[in-house]
């Protein structure tokens, strides 16, 4: 994996936004302890009283910032989303061509894959909340945010008439990459690499359709 390490981002976007450093630290401790307990037991067995004990706070303190267990998991999930978008943005910063930008997107697949393998909490959250409407809404919003980062970075190298196509490609890539990497993380290494290579082919096809649009559409 590259020297850029993905870690859950600290967040204050919860039920009541902490206004003081002590409160922010308390929220960070709650989310960090949530991650530890999910890693040990799974999100389905997460208990508020155990979480409070692990975080060094009282259950009532937790409820000051989160209305329920589901909201805590949503906040932890959001921290992972923020981490992936931060990495995406940093990798695309300073690119000088469309080809370089698409190469960055290809290279990120391995980083995401290795992170998912090393951080099973992400997969646990996804599968335990697969039917959760808030979680699904977060997934779509995350895809939009990731797509916006891609479009902002690549649009200087795309003709104005192709911008709508770029936006569509970016949204598809952003939304499909999560499902692809989750599948890879549950597959044997050889199969995972084949799936990643297949997704790279999809990325290349999007690039070629922009570079050689007339030929591609003929």
N, C-alpha and C. Protein backbone atom coordinates (compact mmCIF):
# COMPACT_ATOMS: atom_id res chain seq x y z
N UNK A 1 0.84 -1.19 0.00
CA UNK A 1 0.00 0.00 0.00
C UNK A 1 0.88 1.24 0.00
N UNK A 2 0.41 2.34 -0.51
CA UNK A 2 1.18 3.56 -0.58
C UNK A 2 1.40 4.13 0.80
N UNK A 3 2.21 5.20 0.86
CA UNK A 3 2.50 5.80 2.16
C UNK A 3 1.36 6.65 2.69
N UNK A 4 0.29 6.78 1.91
CA UNK A 4 -0.90 7.49 2.40
C UNK A 4 -1.80 6.49 3.12
N UNK A 5 -1.97 6.68 4.42
CA UNK A 5 -2.72 5.73 5.23
C UNK A 5 -4.14 6.22 5.45
N UNK A 6 -5.07 5.33 5.23
CA UNK A 6 -6.47 5.66 5.47
C UNK A 6 -6.80 5.39 6.93
N UNK A 7 -7.33 6.38 7.59
CA UNK A 7 -7.79 6.21 8.96
C UNK A 7 -9.13 6.91 9.11
N UNK A 8 -10.00 6.39 9.97
CA UNK A 8 -11.28 7.06 10.17
C UNK A 8 -11.07 8.50 10.60
N UNK A 9 -11.84 9.40 10.02
CA UNK A 9 -11.70 10.81 10.35
C UNK A 9 -12.51 11.16 11.59
N UNK A 10 -11.95 12.03 12.43
CA UNK A 10 -12.70 12.52 13.57
C UNK A 10 -13.84 13.39 13.06
N UNK A 11 -14.96 13.31 13.73
CA UNK A 11 -16.12 14.05 13.25
C UNK A 11 -16.86 14.70 14.40
N UNK A 12 -17.50 15.83 14.10
CA UNK A 12 -18.39 16.43 15.09
C UNK A 12 -19.79 16.60 14.52
N UNK A 13 -20.08 15.88 13.42
CA UNK A 13 -21.40 15.97 12.80
C UNK A 13 -22.30 14.90 13.39
N UNK A 14 -22.77 15.13 14.62
CA UNK A 14 -23.62 14.18 15.32
C UNK A 14 -24.83 14.93 15.85
N UNK A 15 -25.56 14.29 16.77
CA UNK A 15 -26.83 14.86 17.20
C UNK A 15 -26.68 16.29 17.73
N UNK A 16 -25.70 16.50 18.60
CA UNK A 16 -25.47 17.84 19.12
C UNK A 16 -24.00 18.16 18.90
N UNK A 17 -23.70 19.17 18.11
CA UNK A 17 -22.32 19.46 17.76
C UNK A 17 -21.55 19.95 18.99
N UNK A 18 -20.48 19.26 19.38
CA UNK A 18 -19.71 19.69 20.54
C UNK A 18 -19.06 21.04 20.27
N UNK A 19 -19.13 21.94 21.22
CA UNK A 19 -18.58 23.27 21.04
C UNK A 19 -17.28 23.46 21.79
N UNK A 20 -16.93 22.52 22.61
CA UNK A 20 -15.71 22.64 23.39
C UNK A 20 -14.81 21.44 23.14
N UNK A 21 -13.52 21.65 23.34
CA UNK A 21 -12.54 20.60 23.08
C UNK A 21 -12.83 19.33 23.87
N UNK A 22 -13.26 19.48 25.10
CA UNK A 22 -13.54 18.30 25.92
C UNK A 22 -14.68 17.48 25.34
N UNK A 23 -15.69 18.16 24.86
CA UNK A 23 -16.83 17.46 24.26
C UNK A 23 -16.42 16.77 22.97
N UNK A 24 -15.60 17.44 22.16
CA UNK A 24 -15.13 16.81 20.92
C UNK A 24 -14.30 15.57 21.22
N UNK A 25 -13.46 15.66 22.24
CA UNK A 25 -12.65 14.51 22.63
C UNK A 25 -13.53 13.36 23.09
N UNK A 26 -14.62 13.68 23.77
CA UNK A 26 -15.54 12.65 24.24
C UNK A 26 -16.20 11.93 23.07
N UNK A 27 -16.61 12.69 22.07
CA UNK A 27 -17.22 12.08 20.88
C UNK A 27 -16.20 11.20 20.17
N UNK A 28 -14.97 11.68 20.03
CA UNK A 28 -13.93 10.88 19.39
C UNK A 28 -13.68 9.58 20.16
N UNK A 29 -13.71 9.66 21.49
CA UNK A 29 -13.52 8.47 22.31
C UNK A 29 -14.66 7.48 22.12
N UNK A 30 -15.88 7.99 22.00
CA UNK A 30 -17.04 7.13 21.77
C UNK A 30 -16.91 6.41 20.43
N UNK A 31 -16.54 7.14 19.39
CA UNK A 31 -16.42 6.52 18.07
C UNK A 31 -15.25 5.54 18.01
N UNK A 32 -14.14 5.89 18.65
CA UNK A 32 -13.00 4.98 18.68
C UNK A 32 -13.35 3.70 19.42
N UNK A 33 -14.05 3.82 20.53
CA UNK A 33 -14.46 2.64 21.29
C UNK A 33 -15.50 1.82 20.53
N UNK A 34 -16.36 2.50 19.78
CA UNK A 34 -17.33 1.79 18.95
C UNK A 34 -16.61 0.92 17.94
N UNK A 35 -15.60 1.48 17.30
CA UNK A 35 -14.81 0.71 16.33
C UNK A 35 -14.19 -0.52 17.00
N UNK A 36 -13.61 -0.34 18.18
CA UNK A 36 -12.97 -1.45 18.87
C UNK A 36 -13.97 -2.56 19.19
N UNK A 37 -15.13 -2.18 19.69
CA UNK A 37 -16.13 -3.18 20.07
C UNK A 37 -16.72 -3.89 18.86
N UNK A 38 -16.93 -3.16 17.76
CA UNK A 38 -17.41 -3.81 16.54
C UNK A 38 -16.38 -4.80 16.04
N UNK A 39 -15.11 -4.42 16.13
CA UNK A 39 -14.04 -5.32 15.70
C UNK A 39 -14.02 -6.59 16.54
N UNK A 40 -14.31 -6.45 17.83
CA UNK A 40 -14.28 -7.59 18.74
C UNK A 40 -15.54 -8.45 18.65
N UNK A 41 -16.73 -7.81 18.54
CA UNK A 41 -17.98 -8.53 18.69
C UNK A 41 -18.93 -8.42 17.50
N UNK A 42 -18.71 -7.43 16.64
CA UNK A 42 -19.65 -7.16 15.57
C UNK A 42 -20.65 -6.10 16.00
N UNK A 43 -21.16 -5.36 15.06
CA UNK A 43 -22.07 -4.25 15.38
C UNK A 43 -23.39 -4.73 15.97
N UNK A 44 -23.83 -5.94 15.61
CA UNK A 44 -25.10 -6.45 16.11
C UNK A 44 -25.08 -6.65 17.63
N UNK A 45 -23.89 -6.84 18.20
CA UNK A 45 -23.77 -7.10 19.64
C UNK A 45 -23.28 -5.88 20.41
N UNK A 46 -23.25 -4.75 19.75
CA UNK A 46 -22.81 -3.52 20.41
C UNK A 46 -23.84 -3.08 21.45
N UNK A 47 -23.38 -2.85 22.69
CA UNK A 47 -24.25 -2.44 23.79
C UNK A 47 -23.80 -1.08 24.31
N UNK A 48 -24.77 -0.22 24.59
CA UNK A 48 -24.45 1.13 25.04
C UNK A 48 -23.67 1.11 26.35
N UNK A 49 -24.05 0.26 27.29
CA UNK A 49 -23.36 0.26 28.58
C UNK A 49 -21.91 -0.21 28.43
N UNK A 50 -21.67 -1.18 27.54
CA UNK A 50 -20.30 -1.61 27.29
C UNK A 50 -19.51 -0.52 26.58
N UNK A 51 -20.16 0.15 25.68
CA UNK A 51 -19.50 1.24 24.96
C UNK A 51 -19.12 2.36 25.92
N UNK A 52 -20.03 2.69 26.82
CA UNK A 52 -19.75 3.76 27.79
C UNK A 52 -18.56 3.40 28.67
N UNK A 53 -18.53 2.14 29.11
CA UNK A 53 -17.41 1.70 29.95
C UNK A 53 -16.10 1.77 29.19
N UNK A 54 -16.10 1.33 27.94
CA UNK A 54 -14.89 1.34 27.13
C UNK A 54 -14.41 2.77 26.85
N UNK A 55 -15.35 3.66 26.61
CA UNK A 55 -15.00 5.05 26.27
C UNK A 55 -14.70 5.89 27.51
N UNK A 56 -15.00 5.36 28.69
CA UNK A 56 -14.74 6.11 29.91
C UNK A 56 -15.74 7.22 30.15
N UNK A 57 -16.98 6.99 29.70
CA UNK A 57 -18.04 7.98 29.89
C UNK A 57 -19.27 7.26 30.45
N UNK A 58 -20.28 8.02 30.78
CA UNK A 58 -21.54 7.42 31.24
C UNK A 58 -22.48 7.23 30.05
N UNK A 59 -23.42 6.29 30.15
CA UNK A 59 -24.41 6.14 29.07
C UNK A 59 -25.15 7.43 28.77
N UNK A 60 -25.46 8.20 29.81
CA UNK A 60 -26.17 9.46 29.58
C UNK A 60 -25.32 10.44 28.78
N UNK A 61 -24.00 10.37 28.94
CA UNK A 61 -23.11 11.23 28.15
C UNK A 61 -23.20 10.87 26.67
N UNK A 62 -23.27 9.57 26.39
CA UNK A 62 -23.40 9.13 25.00
C UNK A 62 -24.68 9.69 24.40
N UNK A 63 -25.77 9.62 25.15
CA UNK A 63 -27.05 10.08 24.63
C UNK A 63 -27.12 11.60 24.47
N UNK A 64 -26.16 12.31 25.03
CA UNK A 64 -26.10 13.75 24.78
C UNK A 64 -25.78 14.04 23.32
N UNK A 65 -25.03 13.12 22.70
CA UNK A 65 -24.57 13.36 21.33
C UNK A 65 -25.20 12.43 20.30
N UNK A 66 -25.67 11.29 20.73
CA UNK A 66 -26.25 10.30 19.82
C UNK A 66 -27.58 9.82 20.37
N UNK A 67 -28.65 9.84 19.58
CA UNK A 67 -29.95 9.41 20.08
C UNK A 67 -30.06 7.92 20.32
N UNK A 68 -29.24 7.13 19.61
CA UNK A 68 -29.31 5.68 19.75
C UNK A 68 -28.06 5.04 19.16
N UNK A 69 -27.99 3.72 19.28
CA UNK A 69 -26.82 2.98 18.80
C UNK A 69 -26.63 3.14 17.30
N UNK A 70 -27.72 3.14 16.57
CA UNK A 70 -27.65 3.26 15.11
C UNK A 70 -26.99 4.58 14.70
N UNK A 71 -27.30 5.64 15.42
CA UNK A 71 -26.71 6.94 15.11
C UNK A 71 -25.20 6.94 15.33
N UNK A 72 -24.75 6.21 16.33
CA UNK A 72 -23.31 6.10 16.59
C UNK A 72 -22.63 5.39 15.42
N UNK A 73 -23.24 4.31 14.96
CA UNK A 73 -22.67 3.56 13.84
C UNK A 73 -22.68 4.41 12.58
N UNK A 74 -23.74 5.18 12.38
CA UNK A 74 -23.78 6.09 11.23
C UNK A 74 -22.62 7.08 11.29
N UNK A 75 -22.36 7.61 12.47
CA UNK A 75 -21.28 8.59 12.63
C UNK A 75 -19.92 7.95 12.35
N UNK A 76 -19.73 6.72 12.82
CA UNK A 76 -18.48 6.02 12.55
C UNK A 76 -18.33 5.76 11.06
N UNK A 77 -19.42 5.34 10.44
CA UNK A 77 -19.41 5.11 8.99
C UNK A 77 -19.05 6.39 8.24
N UNK A 78 -19.61 7.51 8.69
CA UNK A 78 -19.31 8.79 8.05
C UNK A 78 -17.83 9.13 8.17
N UNK A 79 -17.20 8.74 9.26
CA UNK A 79 -15.78 9.01 9.42
C UNK A 79 -14.95 8.24 8.39
N UNK A 80 -15.39 7.01 8.06
CA UNK A 80 -14.71 6.24 7.02
C UNK A 80 -14.93 6.88 5.65
N UNK A 81 -16.14 7.34 5.40
CA UNK A 81 -16.44 8.01 4.13
C UNK A 81 -15.57 9.24 3.97
N UNK A 82 -15.45 10.02 5.02
CA UNK A 82 -14.62 11.22 4.97
C UNK A 82 -13.16 10.88 4.68
N UNK A 83 -12.70 9.77 5.25
CA UNK A 83 -11.31 9.36 5.03
C UNK A 83 -11.06 8.99 3.57
N UNK A 84 -12.00 8.28 2.95
CA UNK A 84 -11.81 7.90 1.55
C UNK A 84 -11.85 9.12 0.64
N UNK A 85 -12.74 10.05 0.92
CA UNK A 85 -12.81 11.25 0.09
C UNK A 85 -11.60 12.14 0.27
N UNK A 86 -11.06 12.16 1.49
CA UNK A 86 -9.85 12.94 1.73
C UNK A 86 -8.68 12.35 0.93
N UNK A 87 -8.58 11.02 0.92
CA UNK A 87 -7.51 10.39 0.15
C UNK A 87 -7.70 10.64 -1.34
N UNK A 88 -8.93 10.48 -1.82
CA UNK A 88 -9.22 10.72 -3.23
C UNK A 88 -8.81 12.13 -3.63
N UNK A 89 -9.18 13.10 -2.83
CA UNK A 89 -8.87 14.49 -3.13
C UNK A 89 -7.37 14.74 -3.14
N UNK A 90 -6.67 14.18 -2.17
CA UNK A 90 -5.23 14.42 -2.08
C UNK A 90 -4.48 13.77 -3.24
N UNK A 91 -4.93 12.60 -3.69
CA UNK A 91 -4.27 11.91 -4.79
C UNK A 91 -4.49 12.63 -6.12
N UNK A 92 -5.67 13.21 -6.29
CA UNK A 92 -5.98 13.89 -7.55
C UNK A 92 -5.42 15.31 -7.61
N UNK A 93 -5.01 15.81 -6.47
CA UNK A 93 -4.48 17.18 -6.43
C UNK A 93 -3.20 17.28 -7.26
N UNK A 94 -3.15 18.27 -8.14
CA UNK A 94 -1.93 18.52 -8.91
C UNK A 94 -1.76 17.69 -10.16
N UNK A 95 -2.77 16.90 -10.55
CA UNK A 95 -2.63 16.14 -11.79
C UNK A 95 -2.54 17.10 -12.97
N UNK A 96 -1.86 16.67 -14.04
CA UNK A 96 -1.67 17.57 -15.18
C UNK A 96 -2.20 17.02 -16.49
N UNK A 97 -2.99 15.95 -16.42
CA UNK A 97 -3.60 15.43 -17.64
C UNK A 97 -4.75 14.51 -17.28
N UNK A 98 -5.64 14.29 -18.25
CA UNK A 98 -6.75 13.36 -18.06
C UNK A 98 -6.24 11.96 -17.80
N UNK A 99 -5.21 11.57 -18.56
CA UNK A 99 -4.64 10.24 -18.42
C UNK A 99 -4.09 10.03 -17.01
N UNK A 100 -3.40 11.03 -16.49
CA UNK A 100 -2.86 10.92 -15.14
C UNK A 100 -3.97 10.80 -14.11
N UNK A 101 -5.04 11.55 -14.30
CA UNK A 101 -6.16 11.48 -13.38
C UNK A 101 -6.79 10.10 -13.34
N UNK A 102 -7.02 9.52 -14.51
CA UNK A 102 -7.61 8.19 -14.56
C UNK A 102 -6.65 7.14 -14.01
N UNK A 103 -5.34 7.35 -14.18
CA UNK A 103 -4.37 6.43 -13.61
C UNK A 103 -4.42 6.46 -12.08
N UNK A 104 -4.61 7.65 -11.53
CA UNK A 104 -4.77 7.78 -10.08
C UNK A 104 -5.97 6.96 -9.61
N UNK A 105 -7.07 7.04 -10.35
CA UNK A 105 -8.27 6.29 -9.97
C UNK A 105 -8.01 4.79 -10.00
N UNK A 106 -7.25 4.34 -10.99
CA UNK A 106 -6.89 2.92 -11.05
C UNK A 106 -6.03 2.52 -9.85
N UNK A 107 -5.03 3.34 -9.57
CA UNK A 107 -4.10 3.00 -8.48
C UNK A 107 -4.79 2.98 -7.12
N UNK A 108 -5.81 3.81 -6.96
CA UNK A 108 -6.52 3.86 -5.68
C UNK A 108 -7.26 2.57 -5.36
N UNK A 109 -7.58 1.79 -6.37
CA UNK A 109 -8.31 0.54 -6.13
C UNK A 109 -7.55 -0.37 -5.17
N UNK A 110 -6.24 -0.47 -5.36
CA UNK A 110 -5.44 -1.32 -4.48
C UNK A 110 -5.42 -0.77 -3.07
N UNK A 111 -5.30 0.54 -2.94
CA UNK A 111 -5.31 1.15 -1.60
C UNK A 111 -6.63 0.86 -0.88
N UNK A 112 -7.73 1.04 -1.60
CA UNK A 112 -9.03 0.78 -1.00
C UNK A 112 -9.17 -0.70 -0.61
N UNK A 113 -8.72 -1.57 -1.50
CA UNK A 113 -8.81 -3.01 -1.25
C UNK A 113 -8.02 -3.39 0.00
N UNK A 114 -6.78 -2.92 0.10
CA UNK A 114 -5.95 -3.27 1.25
C UNK A 114 -6.53 -2.69 2.54
N UNK A 115 -7.13 -1.51 2.44
CA UNK A 115 -7.73 -0.91 3.63
C UNK A 115 -8.94 -1.72 4.09
N UNK A 116 -9.80 -2.13 3.16
CA UNK A 116 -10.97 -2.93 3.52
C UNK A 116 -10.55 -4.24 4.18
N UNK A 117 -9.49 -4.85 3.67
CA UNK A 117 -9.02 -6.11 4.26
C UNK A 117 -8.49 -5.90 5.67
N UNK A 118 -7.83 -4.78 5.89
CA UNK A 118 -7.23 -4.51 7.20
C UNK A 118 -8.21 -3.89 8.19
N UNK A 119 -9.38 -3.47 7.69
CA UNK A 119 -10.37 -2.79 8.54
C UNK A 119 -11.73 -3.45 8.36
N UNK A 120 -11.92 -4.66 8.93
CA UNK A 120 -13.18 -5.39 8.74
C UNK A 120 -14.40 -4.68 9.32
N UNK A 121 -14.18 -3.68 10.15
CA UNK A 121 -15.30 -2.91 10.70
C UNK A 121 -16.13 -2.29 9.59
N UNK A 122 -15.48 -1.86 8.52
CA UNK A 122 -16.19 -1.22 7.40
C UNK A 122 -17.19 -2.19 6.80
N UNK A 123 -16.73 -3.41 6.53
CA UNK A 123 -17.60 -4.41 5.93
C UNK A 123 -18.72 -4.81 6.88
N UNK A 124 -18.40 -4.92 8.16
CA UNK A 124 -19.41 -5.25 9.17
C UNK A 124 -20.53 -4.21 9.16
N UNK A 125 -20.14 -2.94 9.15
CA UNK A 125 -21.14 -1.87 9.14
C UNK A 125 -22.00 -1.95 7.89
N UNK A 126 -21.36 -2.17 6.77
CA UNK A 126 -22.10 -2.17 5.51
C UNK A 126 -23.14 -3.28 5.48
N UNK A 127 -22.74 -4.49 5.86
CA UNK A 127 -23.67 -5.61 5.78
C UNK A 127 -24.72 -5.57 6.89
N UNK A 128 -24.36 -5.09 8.05
CA UNK A 128 -25.33 -5.04 9.14
C UNK A 128 -26.39 -3.97 8.91
N UNK A 129 -26.07 -2.99 8.05
CA UNK A 129 -27.00 -1.89 7.81
C UNK A 129 -27.39 -1.79 6.34
N UNK A 130 -27.31 -2.91 5.64
CA UNK A 130 -27.57 -2.91 4.20
C UNK A 130 -28.98 -2.44 3.85
N UNK A 131 -29.93 -2.67 4.75
CA UNK A 131 -31.32 -2.27 4.48
C UNK A 131 -31.71 -0.98 5.20
N UNK A 132 -30.75 -0.35 5.83
CA UNK A 132 -31.00 0.88 6.59
C UNK A 132 -31.11 2.06 5.62
N UNK A 133 -32.23 2.76 5.63
CA UNK A 133 -32.44 3.85 4.68
C UNK A 133 -31.43 4.98 4.87
N UNK A 134 -31.16 5.32 6.11
CA UNK A 134 -30.18 6.39 6.36
C UNK A 134 -28.82 6.00 5.81
N UNK A 135 -28.42 4.75 6.03
CA UNK A 135 -27.15 4.26 5.50
C UNK A 135 -27.15 4.31 3.98
N UNK A 136 -28.23 3.88 3.35
CA UNK A 136 -28.31 3.91 1.89
C UNK A 136 -28.27 5.34 1.36
N UNK A 137 -28.94 6.25 2.06
CA UNK A 137 -28.88 7.66 1.66
C UNK A 137 -27.46 8.20 1.79
N UNK A 138 -26.76 7.77 2.85
CA UNK A 138 -25.38 8.18 3.04
C UNK A 138 -24.49 7.66 1.91
N UNK A 139 -24.77 6.44 1.45
CA UNK A 139 -23.99 5.86 0.36
C UNK A 139 -24.14 6.69 -0.91
N UNK A 140 -25.37 7.08 -1.22
CA UNK A 140 -25.61 7.89 -2.41
C UNK A 140 -24.95 9.25 -2.28
N UNK A 141 -25.10 9.86 -1.11
CA UNK A 141 -24.48 11.17 -0.89
C UNK A 141 -22.97 11.07 -0.97
N UNK A 142 -22.41 10.01 -0.42
CA UNK A 142 -20.96 9.79 -0.51
C UNK A 142 -20.51 9.67 -1.96
N UNK A 143 -21.30 8.95 -2.76
CA UNK A 143 -20.97 8.81 -4.18
C UNK A 143 -20.99 10.16 -4.87
N UNK A 144 -21.95 10.99 -4.52
CA UNK A 144 -22.03 12.33 -5.12
C UNK A 144 -20.82 13.17 -4.72
N UNK A 145 -20.42 13.06 -3.46
CA UNK A 145 -19.26 13.83 -3.00
C UNK A 145 -17.98 13.35 -3.69
N UNK A 146 -17.82 12.03 -3.80
CA UNK A 146 -16.64 11.49 -4.48
C UNK A 146 -16.64 11.88 -5.95
N UNK A 147 -17.81 11.79 -6.58
CA UNK A 147 -17.92 12.15 -7.99
C UNK A 147 -17.57 13.62 -8.20
N UNK A 148 -18.00 14.47 -7.29
CA UNK A 148 -17.69 15.90 -7.40
C UNK A 148 -16.19 16.15 -7.32
N UNK A 149 -15.51 15.40 -6.47
CA UNK A 149 -14.05 15.52 -6.37
C UNK A 149 -13.39 15.11 -7.68
N UNK A 150 -13.87 14.02 -8.26
CA UNK A 150 -13.32 13.54 -9.53
C UNK A 150 -13.55 14.55 -10.64
N UNK A 151 -14.78 15.05 -10.72
CA UNK A 151 -15.12 16.01 -11.78
C UNK A 151 -14.30 17.29 -11.64
N UNK A 152 -14.16 17.76 -10.42
CA UNK A 152 -13.38 18.99 -10.21
C UNK A 152 -11.94 18.82 -10.67
N UNK A 153 -11.37 17.64 -10.42
CA UNK A 153 -9.98 17.39 -10.79
C UNK A 153 -9.79 17.17 -12.28
N UNK A 154 -10.75 16.48 -12.92
CA UNK A 154 -10.58 16.09 -14.32
C UNK A 154 -11.19 17.06 -15.33
N UNK A 155 -12.14 17.86 -14.90
CA UNK A 155 -12.84 18.74 -15.85
C UNK A 155 -11.94 19.71 -16.61
N UNK A 156 -10.81 20.18 -16.03
CA UNK A 156 -9.96 21.08 -16.82
C UNK A 156 -9.38 20.42 -18.08
N UNK A 157 -9.41 19.09 -18.13
CA UNK A 157 -8.82 18.38 -19.26
C UNK A 157 -9.88 17.79 -20.19
N UNK A 158 -11.13 18.20 -19.99
CA UNK A 158 -12.24 17.67 -20.78
C UNK A 158 -12.94 18.82 -21.50
N UNK A 159 -13.31 18.59 -22.76
CA UNK A 159 -14.05 19.61 -23.51
C UNK A 159 -15.39 19.87 -22.84
N UNK A 160 -15.87 21.09 -22.97
CA UNK A 160 -17.12 21.48 -22.33
C UNK A 160 -18.28 20.58 -22.72
N UNK A 161 -18.30 20.15 -23.99
CA UNK A 161 -19.41 19.31 -24.44
C UNK A 161 -19.37 17.90 -23.86
N UNK A 162 -18.21 17.53 -23.28
CA UNK A 162 -18.07 16.19 -22.70
C UNK A 162 -18.23 16.20 -21.18
N UNK A 163 -18.51 17.35 -20.61
CA UNK A 163 -18.56 17.46 -19.16
C UNK A 163 -19.69 16.62 -18.56
N UNK A 164 -20.84 16.58 -19.22
CA UNK A 164 -21.94 15.76 -18.70
C UNK A 164 -21.57 14.28 -18.67
N UNK A 165 -20.86 13.84 -19.71
CA UNK A 165 -20.40 12.44 -19.73
C UNK A 165 -19.44 12.18 -18.57
N UNK A 166 -18.52 13.11 -18.35
CA UNK A 166 -17.58 12.95 -17.24
C UNK A 166 -18.32 12.85 -15.92
N UNK A 167 -19.33 13.67 -15.73
CA UNK A 167 -20.11 13.64 -14.48
C UNK A 167 -20.79 12.28 -14.29
N UNK A 168 -21.34 11.74 -15.38
CA UNK A 168 -22.00 10.43 -15.29
C UNK A 168 -20.99 9.33 -14.99
N UNK A 169 -19.84 9.36 -15.68
CA UNK A 169 -18.81 8.36 -15.43
C UNK A 169 -18.32 8.43 -13.98
N UNK A 170 -18.10 9.65 -13.50
CA UNK A 170 -17.60 9.83 -12.14
C UNK A 170 -18.60 9.29 -11.11
N UNK A 171 -19.88 9.54 -11.32
CA UNK A 171 -20.89 9.05 -10.39
C UNK A 171 -20.95 7.52 -10.40
N UNK A 172 -20.88 6.93 -11.57
CA UNK A 172 -20.89 5.47 -11.66
C UNK A 172 -19.67 4.87 -10.98
N UNK A 173 -18.50 5.42 -11.26
CA UNK A 173 -17.28 4.90 -10.65
C UNK A 173 -17.34 5.02 -9.13
N UNK A 174 -17.76 6.19 -8.66
CA UNK A 174 -17.80 6.43 -7.22
C UNK A 174 -18.77 5.47 -6.52
N UNK A 175 -19.88 5.17 -7.16
CA UNK A 175 -20.88 4.31 -6.52
C UNK A 175 -20.55 2.83 -6.65
N UNK A 176 -19.94 2.44 -7.75
CA UNK A 176 -19.65 1.03 -7.98
C UNK A 176 -18.39 0.55 -7.26
N UNK A 177 -17.47 1.47 -7.00
CA UNK A 177 -16.19 1.04 -6.43
C UNK A 177 -16.38 0.43 -5.05
N UNK A 178 -17.31 0.95 -4.24
CA UNK A 178 -17.52 0.40 -2.91
C UNK A 178 -17.98 -1.05 -2.95
N UNK A 179 -18.96 -1.34 -3.79
CA UNK A 179 -19.46 -2.71 -3.92
C UNK A 179 -18.38 -3.64 -4.44
N UNK A 180 -17.59 -3.14 -5.40
CA UNK A 180 -16.53 -3.96 -5.98
C UNK A 180 -15.48 -4.31 -4.93
N UNK A 181 -15.05 -3.32 -4.17
CA UNK A 181 -14.01 -3.57 -3.17
C UNK A 181 -14.54 -4.46 -2.04
N UNK A 182 -15.79 -4.32 -1.67
CA UNK A 182 -16.37 -5.21 -0.65
C UNK A 182 -16.36 -6.65 -1.15
N UNK A 183 -16.70 -6.84 -2.41
CA UNK A 183 -16.67 -8.17 -3.00
C UNK A 183 -15.25 -8.72 -3.01
N UNK A 184 -14.30 -7.88 -3.38
CA UNK A 184 -12.90 -8.30 -3.41
C UNK A 184 -12.41 -8.70 -2.02
N UNK A 185 -12.81 -7.94 -1.01
CA UNK A 185 -12.35 -8.20 0.35
C UNK A 185 -12.84 -9.55 0.87
N UNK A 186 -13.92 -10.07 0.29
CA UNK A 186 -14.47 -11.36 0.72
C UNK A 186 -14.07 -12.50 -0.22
N UNK A 187 -13.21 -12.20 -1.18
CA UNK A 187 -12.79 -13.19 -2.16
C UNK A 187 -11.36 -13.64 -1.89
N UNK A 188 -10.99 -14.77 -2.48
CA UNK A 188 -9.60 -15.19 -2.43
C UNK A 188 -8.74 -14.17 -3.18
N UNK A 189 -7.46 -14.11 -2.82
CA UNK A 189 -6.58 -13.08 -3.36
C UNK A 189 -6.54 -13.09 -4.89
N UNK A 190 -6.42 -14.27 -5.48
CA UNK A 190 -6.34 -14.36 -6.95
C UNK A 190 -7.61 -13.80 -7.60
N UNK A 191 -8.75 -14.20 -7.06
CA UNK A 191 -10.01 -13.71 -7.63
C UNK A 191 -10.16 -12.20 -7.40
N UNK A 192 -9.74 -11.74 -6.24
CA UNK A 192 -9.83 -10.31 -5.94
C UNK A 192 -9.02 -9.49 -6.95
N UNK A 193 -7.82 -9.96 -7.27
CA UNK A 193 -6.99 -9.24 -8.23
C UNK A 193 -7.62 -9.23 -9.62
N UNK A 194 -8.26 -10.33 -9.98
CA UNK A 194 -8.95 -10.37 -11.28
C UNK A 194 -10.11 -9.38 -11.31
N UNK A 195 -10.83 -9.29 -10.21
CA UNK A 195 -11.95 -8.35 -10.15
C UNK A 195 -11.45 -6.90 -10.20
N UNK A 196 -10.37 -6.63 -9.50
CA UNK A 196 -9.79 -5.28 -9.54
C UNK A 196 -9.32 -4.94 -10.94
N UNK A 197 -8.67 -5.89 -11.60
CA UNK A 197 -8.22 -5.64 -12.97
C UNK A 197 -9.40 -5.41 -13.92
N UNK A 198 -10.49 -6.14 -13.68
CA UNK A 198 -11.68 -5.93 -14.50
C UNK A 198 -12.25 -4.53 -14.28
N UNK A 199 -12.21 -4.06 -13.04
CA UNK A 199 -12.71 -2.72 -12.75
C UNK A 199 -11.79 -1.67 -13.36
N UNK A 200 -10.49 -1.95 -13.38
CA UNK A 200 -9.56 -1.04 -14.05
C UNK A 200 -9.89 -0.91 -15.53
N UNK A 201 -10.29 -2.03 -16.14
CA UNK A 201 -10.69 -1.99 -17.55
C UNK A 201 -11.89 -1.08 -17.75
N UNK A 202 -12.82 -1.11 -16.80
CA UNK A 202 -13.98 -0.22 -16.86
C UNK A 202 -13.53 1.24 -16.79
N UNK A 203 -12.62 1.54 -15.89
CA UNK A 203 -12.10 2.90 -15.76
C UNK A 203 -11.44 3.34 -17.06
N UNK A 204 -10.65 2.45 -17.65
CA UNK A 204 -9.97 2.79 -18.91
C UNK A 204 -10.97 3.03 -20.03
N UNK A 205 -12.05 2.26 -20.03
CA UNK A 205 -13.05 2.45 -21.08
C UNK A 205 -13.71 3.81 -20.97
N UNK A 206 -13.93 4.28 -19.75
CA UNK A 206 -14.48 5.62 -19.56
C UNK A 206 -13.51 6.67 -20.10
N UNK A 207 -12.22 6.49 -19.81
CA UNK A 207 -11.23 7.45 -20.29
C UNK A 207 -11.19 7.46 -21.81
N UNK A 208 -11.17 6.27 -22.41
CA UNK A 208 -11.09 6.19 -23.87
C UNK A 208 -12.32 6.80 -24.53
N UNK A 209 -13.47 6.64 -23.89
CA UNK A 209 -14.70 7.19 -24.47
C UNK A 209 -14.68 8.72 -24.47
N UNK A 210 -13.90 9.31 -23.57
CA UNK A 210 -13.75 10.76 -23.55
C UNK A 210 -12.68 11.23 -24.53
N UNK A 211 -11.58 10.48 -24.59
CA UNK A 211 -10.47 10.87 -25.47
C UNK A 211 -10.81 10.63 -26.93
N UNK A 212 -11.46 9.51 -27.20
CA UNK A 212 -11.79 9.15 -28.59
C UNK A 212 -13.30 9.08 -28.77
N UNK A 213 -13.98 10.13 -28.39
CA UNK A 213 -15.44 10.13 -28.38
C UNK A 213 -16.03 9.85 -29.76
N UNK A 214 -15.51 10.48 -30.79
CA UNK A 214 -16.06 10.31 -32.14
C UNK A 214 -15.96 8.86 -32.59
N UNK A 215 -14.80 8.25 -32.35
CA UNK A 215 -14.61 6.85 -32.75
C UNK A 215 -15.45 5.94 -31.86
N UNK A 216 -15.48 6.23 -30.57
CA UNK A 216 -16.20 5.40 -29.60
C UNK A 216 -17.69 5.33 -29.91
N UNK A 217 -18.25 6.45 -30.36
CA UNK A 217 -19.69 6.52 -30.62
C UNK A 217 -20.08 6.19 -32.05
N UNK A 218 -19.10 5.87 -32.88
CA UNK A 218 -19.41 5.60 -34.30
C UNK A 218 -19.91 4.18 -34.48
